[in-house]
């Protein structure tokens, strides 16, 4: 998530706060996040489809949390999505539809519909 937040070469306060909120839900402290930022960890492989889709959704939220969407961030999200095993068609539909929603935040129920379409 930190690498995604820095895709536009700036770690905005809103992005950092979002990362801290997710980290807290995962049982990590601010000092843990700062340590990971200073010394990135080896990437963990997410094994279930739900884990991969959840991580993709977190990255999507992170990309839009500062209310500025840069090409570099969209490109990074595409690449991370592909590395997570998300189908390219699903990624593109999500990126296209996010423009239709306030603050580019696709409601989670709509996101589920998109993924169901491509994974069933």
C-alpha atoms as a PDB file:
ATOM      1  CA  UNK A   1       0.000   0.000   0.000  1.00  0.00           C
ATOM      2  CA  UNK A   2       2.862   2.364   0.753  1.00  0.00           C
ATOM      3  CA  UNK A   3       4.347   1.812  -2.702  1.00  0.00           C
ATOM      4  CA  UNK A   4       0.936   2.485  -4.250  1.00  0.00           C
ATOM      5  CA  UNK A   5       0.562   5.691  -2.247  1.00  0.00           C
ATOM      6  CA  UNK A   6       3.967   6.840  -3.492  1.00  0.00           C
ATOM      7  CA  UNK A   7       3.193   6.066  -7.149  1.00  0.00           C
ATOM      8  CA  UNK A   8       2.798   9.798  -7.836  1.00  0.00           C
ATOM      9  CA  UNK A   9       6.019  10.481  -5.864  1.00  0.00           C
ATOM     10  CA  UNK A  10       4.082  12.095  -2.991  1.00  0.00           C
ATOM     11  CA  UNK A  11       2.737  10.485   0.179  1.00  0.00           C
ATOM     12  CA  UNK A  12      -0.214  12.736   1.017  1.00  0.00           C
ATOM     13  CA  UNK A  13      -1.422  13.044   4.607  1.00  0.00           C
ATOM     14  CA  UNK A  14      -4.772  11.471   3.676  1.00  0.00           C
ATOM     15  CA  UNK A  15      -3.013   8.505   2.101  1.00  0.00           C
ATOM     16  CA  UNK A  16      -0.790   8.048   5.144  1.00  0.00           C
ATOM     17  CA  UNK A  17      -3.812   8.305   7.470  1.00  0.00           C
ATOM     18  CA  UNK A  18      -5.641   5.701   5.375  1.00  0.00           C
ATOM     19  CA  UNK A  19      -2.646   3.361   5.553  1.00  0.00           C
ATOM     20  CA  UNK A  20      -2.517   3.846   9.330  1.00  0.00           C
ATOM     21  CA  UNK A  21      -6.241   3.033   9.622  1.00  0.00           C
ATOM     22  CA  UNK A  22      -5.827  -0.193   7.629  1.00  0.00           C
ATOM     23  CA  UNK A  23      -2.692  -1.084   9.603  1.00  0.00           C
ATOM     24  CA  UNK A  24      -4.550  -0.576  12.879  1.00  0.00           C
ATOM     25  CA  UNK A  25      -7.273  -2.983  11.721  1.00  0.00           C
ATOM     26  CA  UNK A  26      -4.502  -5.480  10.983  1.00  0.00           C
ATOM     27  CA  UNK A  27      -2.970  -5.018  14.434  1.00  0.00           C
ATOM     28  CA  UNK A  28      -0.021  -2.853  13.370  1.00  0.00           C
ATOM     29  CA  UNK A  29       1.068   0.340  15.107  1.00  0.00           C
ATOM     30  CA  UNK A  30       2.178   3.657  13.621  1.00  0.00           C
ATOM     31  CA  UNK A  31       5.773   2.753  14.420  1.00  0.00           C
ATOM     32  CA  UNK A  32       5.294  -0.554  12.549  1.00  0.00           C
ATOM     33  CA  UNK A  33       4.050   1.356   9.503  1.00  0.00           C
ATOM     34  CA  UNK A  34       6.944   3.817   9.709  1.00  0.00           C
ATOM     35  CA  UNK A  35       9.395   0.917   9.943  1.00  0.00           C
ATOM     36  CA  UNK A  36       7.830  -0.792   6.913  1.00  0.00           C
ATOM     37  CA  UNK A  37       8.000   2.483   5.014  1.00  0.00           C
ATOM     38  CA  UNK A  38      11.699   2.870   5.847  1.00  0.00           C
ATOM     39  CA  UNK A  39      12.496  -0.825   5.251  1.00  0.00           C
ATOM     40  CA  UNK A  40       9.950  -2.427   2.890  1.00  0.00           C
ATOM     41  CA  UNK A  41       9.056  -6.030   3.604  1.00  0.00           C
ATOM     42  CA  UNK A  42       9.122  -8.942   1.221  1.00  0.00           C
ATOM     43  CA  UNK A  43       5.776  -9.238  -0.574  1.00  0.00           C
ATOM     44  CA  UNK A  44       3.386 -11.800   0.915  1.00  0.00           C
ATOM     45  CA  UNK A  45       1.464 -13.925  -1.555  1.00  0.00           C
ATOM     46  CA  UNK A  46      -2.290 -13.706  -1.012  1.00  0.00           C
ATOM     47  CA  UNK A  47      -3.730 -17.142  -1.570  1.00  0.00           C
ATOM     48  CA  UNK A  48      -7.486 -16.730  -1.694  1.00  0.00           C
ATOM     49  CA  UNK A  49      -9.520 -14.837  -4.250  1.00  0.00           C
ATOM     50  CA  UNK A  50     -11.200 -12.897  -1.447  1.00  0.00           C
ATOM     51  CA  UNK A  51      -7.808 -11.764  -0.064  1.00  0.00           C
ATOM     52  CA  UNK A  52      -6.679 -10.604  -3.504  1.00  0.00           C
ATOM     53  CA  UNK A  53      -9.917  -8.720  -4.229  1.00  0.00           C
ATOM     54  CA  UNK A  54      -9.870  -7.157  -0.749  1.00  0.00           C
ATOM     55  CA  UNK A  55      -6.297  -5.942  -1.266  1.00  0.00           C
ATOM     56  CA  UNK A  56      -7.179  -4.568  -4.705  1.00  0.00           C
ATOM     57  CA  UNK A  57     -10.111  -2.683  -3.135  1.00  0.00           C
ATOM     58  CA  UNK A  58      -7.809  -1.246  -0.462  1.00  0.00           C
ATOM     59  CA  UNK A  59      -5.426  -0.050  -3.155  1.00  0.00           C
ATOM     60  CA  UNK A  60      -8.311   1.495  -5.090  1.00  0.00           C
ATOM     61  CA  UNK A  61      -9.501   3.340  -1.988  1.00  0.00           C
ATOM     62  CA  UNK A  62      -5.963   4.473  -1.261  1.00  0.00           C
ATOM     63  CA  UNK A  63      -5.544   5.798  -4.791  1.00  0.00           C
ATOM     64  CA  UNK A  64      -8.634   7.969  -4.412  1.00  0.00           C
ATOM     65  CA  UNK A  65      -8.353   9.015  -0.767  1.00  0.00           C
ATOM     66  CA  UNK A  66      -6.489  12.235  -1.617  1.00  0.00           C
ATOM     67  CA  UNK A  67      -9.135  13.026  -4.268  1.00  0.00           C
ATOM     68  CA  UNK A  68      -6.431  13.301  -6.918  1.00  0.00           C
ATOM     69  CA  UNK A  69      -6.048  10.489  -9.412  1.00  0.00           C
ATOM     70  CA  UNK A  70      -2.803  10.580 -11.377  1.00  0.00           C
ATOM     71  CA  UNK A  71      -1.957   8.480 -14.404  1.00  0.00           C
ATOM     72  CA  UNK A  72       0.990   6.970 -12.505  1.00  0.00           C
ATOM     73  CA  UNK A  73      -1.373   5.820  -9.739  1.00  0.00           C
ATOM     74  CA  UNK A  74      -3.796   4.255 -12.212  1.00  0.00           C
ATOM     75  CA  UNK A  75      -0.927   2.517 -13.959  1.00  0.00           C
ATOM     76  CA  UNK A  76       0.419   1.277 -10.617  1.00  0.00           C
ATOM     77  CA  UNK A  77      -3.048   0.003  -9.647  1.00  0.00           C
ATOM     78  CA  UNK A  78      -3.310  -1.872 -12.953  1.00  0.00           C
ATOM     79  CA  UNK A  79       0.084  -3.480 -12.366  1.00  0.00           C
ATOM     80  CA  UNK A  80      -0.671  -4.396  -8.742  1.00  0.00           C
ATOM     81  CA  UNK A  81      -4.040  -5.777  -9.815  1.00  0.00           C
ATOM     82  CA  UNK A  82      -2.378  -7.987 -12.403  1.00  0.00           C
ATOM     83  CA  UNK A  83       0.212  -9.165  -9.856  1.00  0.00           C
ATOM     84  CA  UNK A  84      -2.672 -10.021  -7.518  1.00  0.00           C
ATOM     85  CA  UNK A  85      -4.228 -12.140 -10.262  1.00  0.00           C
ATOM     86  CA  UNK A  86      -7.138  -9.785 -10.909  1.00  0.00           C
ATOM     87  CA  UNK A  87      -8.487 -10.185 -14.429  1.00  0.00           C
ATOM     88  CA  UNK A  88      -7.514  -7.255 -16.689  1.00  0.00           C
ATOM     89  CA  UNK A  89     -11.130  -6.794 -17.791  1.00  0.00           C
ATOM     90  CA  UNK A  90     -12.244  -6.370 -14.177  1.00  0.00           C
ATOM     91  CA  UNK A  91      -9.476  -3.851 -13.503  1.00  0.00           C
ATOM     92  CA  UNK A  92     -10.428  -1.769 -16.536  1.00  0.00           C
ATOM     93  CA  UNK A  93     -14.128  -1.817 -15.685  1.00  0.00           C
ATOM     94  CA  UNK A  94     -13.363  -0.652 -12.141  1.00  0.00           C
ATOM     95  CA  UNK A  95     -11.120   2.147 -13.418  1.00  0.00           C
ATOM     96  CA  UNK A  96     -13.711   3.231 -15.985  1.00  0.00           C
ATOM     97  CA  UNK A  97     -16.631   3.166 -13.554  1.00  0.00           C
ATOM     98  CA  UNK A  98     -14.912   5.008 -10.733  1.00  0.00           C
ATOM     99  CA  UNK A  99     -15.441   8.222 -12.718  1.00  0.00           C
ATOM    100  CA  UNK A 100     -19.211   7.741 -12.273  1.00  0.00           C
ATOM    101  CA  UNK A 101     -19.082   8.062  -8.480  1.00  0.00           C
ATOM    102  CA  UNK A 102     -18.498  10.910  -6.075  1.00  0.00           C
ATOM    103  CA  UNK A 103     -14.822  11.113  -5.093  1.00  0.00           C
ATOM    104  CA  UNK A 104     -14.257   8.165  -7.465  1.00  0.00           C
ATOM    105  CA  UNK A 105     -15.285   5.805  -4.654  1.00  0.00           C
ATOM    106  CA  UNK A 106     -17.104   2.832  -6.147  1.00  0.00           C
ATOM    107  CA  UNK A 107     -19.579   1.438  -3.610  1.00  0.00           C
ATOM    108  CA  UNK A 108     -18.480  -1.964  -2.345  1.00  0.00           C
ATOM    109  CA  UNK A 109     -21.711  -3.627  -3.539  1.00  0.00           C
ATOM    110  CA  UNK A 110     -21.014  -2.425  -7.106  1.00  0.00           C
ATOM    111  CA  UNK A 111     -17.431  -3.633  -6.850  1.00  0.00           C
ATOM    112  CA  UNK A 112     -18.703  -7.071  -5.816  1.00  0.00           C
ATOM    113  CA  UNK A 113     -21.013  -7.101  -8.866  1.00  0.00           C
ATOM    114  CA  UNK A 114     -18.090  -6.330 -11.157  1.00  0.00           C
ATOM    115  CA  UNK A 115     -15.962  -9.119  -9.726  1.00  0.00           C
ATOM    116  CA  UNK A 116     -18.843 -11.605  -9.760  1.00  0.00           C
ATOM    117  CA  UNK A 117     -19.316 -10.904 -13.461  1.00  0.00           C
ATOM    118  CA  UNK A 118     -15.697 -11.742 -14.265  1.00  0.00           C
ATOM    119  CA  UNK A 119     -15.173 -14.605 -11.809  1.00  0.00           C
ATOM    120  CA  UNK A 120     -18.356 -16.645 -12.253  1.00  0.00           C
END
